[in-house]
Structure formats: C-alpha cells, structure tokens
C-alpha atoms as a PDB file:
ATOM      1  CA  UNK A   1       0.000   0.000   0.000  1.00  0.00           C
ATOM      2  CA  UNK A   2       2.716   2.491   0.880  1.00  0.00           C
ATOM      3  CA  UNK A   3       0.433   5.473   1.574  1.00  0.00           C
ATOM      4  CA  UNK A   4       2.204   6.347   4.805  1.00  0.00           C
ATOM      5  CA  UNK A   5      -1.081   6.680   6.691  1.00  0.00           C
ATOM      6  CA  UNK A   6      -2.480   4.494   9.395  1.00  0.00           C
ATOM      7  CA  UNK A   7      -5.290   2.051   8.804  1.00  0.00           C
ATOM      8  CA  UNK A   8      -8.891   2.522   9.841  1.00  0.00           C
ATOM      9  CA  UNK A   9     -11.072   0.033  11.688  1.00  0.00           C
ATOM     10  CA  UNK A  10     -12.017  -1.706   8.434  1.00  0.00           C
ATOM     11  CA  UNK A  11      -8.384  -1.915   7.345  1.00  0.00           C
ATOM     12  CA  UNK A  12      -8.530   0.936   4.837  1.00  0.00           C
ATOM     13  CA  UNK A  13      -5.966   3.759   4.841  1.00  0.00           C
ATOM     14  CA  UNK A  14      -6.869   6.922   6.748  1.00  0.00           C
ATOM     15  CA  UNK A  15      -5.894  10.504   6.017  1.00  0.00           C
ATOM     16  CA  UNK A  16      -3.803  11.750   8.918  1.00  0.00           C
ATOM     17  CA  UNK A  17      -4.027  15.375   7.741  1.00  0.00           C
ATOM     18  CA  UNK A  18      -7.650  15.481   8.953  1.00  0.00           C
ATOM     19  CA  UNK A  19      -7.615  15.476  12.733  1.00  0.00           C
ATOM     20  CA  UNK A  20     -11.387  15.457  13.125  1.00  0.00           C
ATOM     21  CA  UNK A  21     -14.198  14.886  10.672  1.00  0.00           C
ATOM     22  CA  UNK A  22     -16.738  16.645  12.903  1.00  0.00           C
ATOM     23  CA  UNK A  23     -15.604  20.067  11.635  1.00  0.00           C
ATOM     24  CA  UNK A  24     -15.968  18.932   8.046  1.00  0.00           C
ATOM     25  CA  UNK A  25     -19.346  17.331   8.783  1.00  0.00           C
ATOM     26  CA  UNK A  26     -20.701  20.492  10.413  1.00  0.00           C
ATOM     27  CA  UNK A  27     -19.436  22.586   7.502  1.00  0.00           C
ATOM     28  CA  UNK A  28     -21.213  20.273   5.060  1.00  0.00           C
ATOM     29  CA  UNK A  29     -24.393  20.451   7.134  1.00  0.00           C
ATOM     30  CA  UNK A  30     -24.257  24.250   7.171  1.00  0.00           C
ATOM     31  CA  UNK A  31     -23.655  24.357   3.426  1.00  0.00           C
ATOM     32  CA  UNK A  32     -26.558  21.973   2.829  1.00  0.00           C
ATOM     33  CA  UNK A  33     -28.802  24.225   4.938  1.00  0.00           C
ATOM     34  CA  UNK A  34     -27.801  27.271   2.894  1.00  0.00           C
ATOM     35  CA  UNK A  35     -28.522  25.407  -0.353  1.00  0.00           C
ATOM     36  CA  UNK A  36     -31.980  24.403   0.903  1.00  0.00           C
ATOM     37  CA  UNK A  37     -32.751  27.991   1.946  1.00  0.00           C
ATOM     38  CA  UNK A  38     -31.666  29.249  -1.478  1.00  0.00           C
ATOM     39  CA  UNK A  39     -33.811  26.658  -3.280  1.00  0.00           C
ATOM     40  CA  UNK A  40     -36.864  27.619  -1.222  1.00  0.00           C
ATOM     41  CA  UNK A  41     -36.282  31.310  -1.935  1.00  0.00           C
ATOM     42  CA  UNK A  42     -35.930  30.670  -5.667  1.00  0.00           C
ATOM     43  CA  UNK A  43     -39.027  28.452  -5.810  1.00  0.00           C
ATOM     44  CA  UNK A  44     -41.032  31.078  -3.909  1.00  0.00           C
ATOM     45  CA  UNK A  45     -39.864  33.825  -6.281  1.00  0.00           C
ATOM     46  CA  UNK A  46     -40.819  31.684  -9.286  1.00  0.00           C
ATOM     47  CA  UNK A  47     -44.289  31.010  -7.851  1.00  0.00           C
ATOM     48  CA  UNK A  48     -44.844  34.721  -7.235  1.00  0.00           C
ATOM     49  CA  UNK A  49     -43.554  35.597 -10.719  1.00  0.00           C
ATOM     50  CA  UNK A  50     -45.839  33.023 -12.411  1.00  0.00           C
ATOM     51  CA  UNK A  51     -48.935  34.626 -10.880  1.00  0.00           C
END
C-alpha cells in the first residue's frame, strides 16, 4: 500500500491530515442548509412571478 497513513477500523488507509471529521461534517451540514434555503427562496420567487 505504501500510503504512509495508518489504517482505519475496516483496514482501509486513513488521512492523517484530517484530525477530526466533525468540523468537516458540520461545515457540510451548514452548506446543505444554505442550499436548501436558497432553493426555497428561488421556488417562492418563481411562484410569485408566475402569478
């Protein structure tokens, strides 16, 4: 394998440059929330415009 990283619980290589995935997960959750808010705003604007 030779990746230089350690192995995870399932035996796959892990990325040692990421100390915690919780920060990444919360950033993804926040981004997903922003995307949902934007979609709702766009759909609402389209519904108003169609009237």
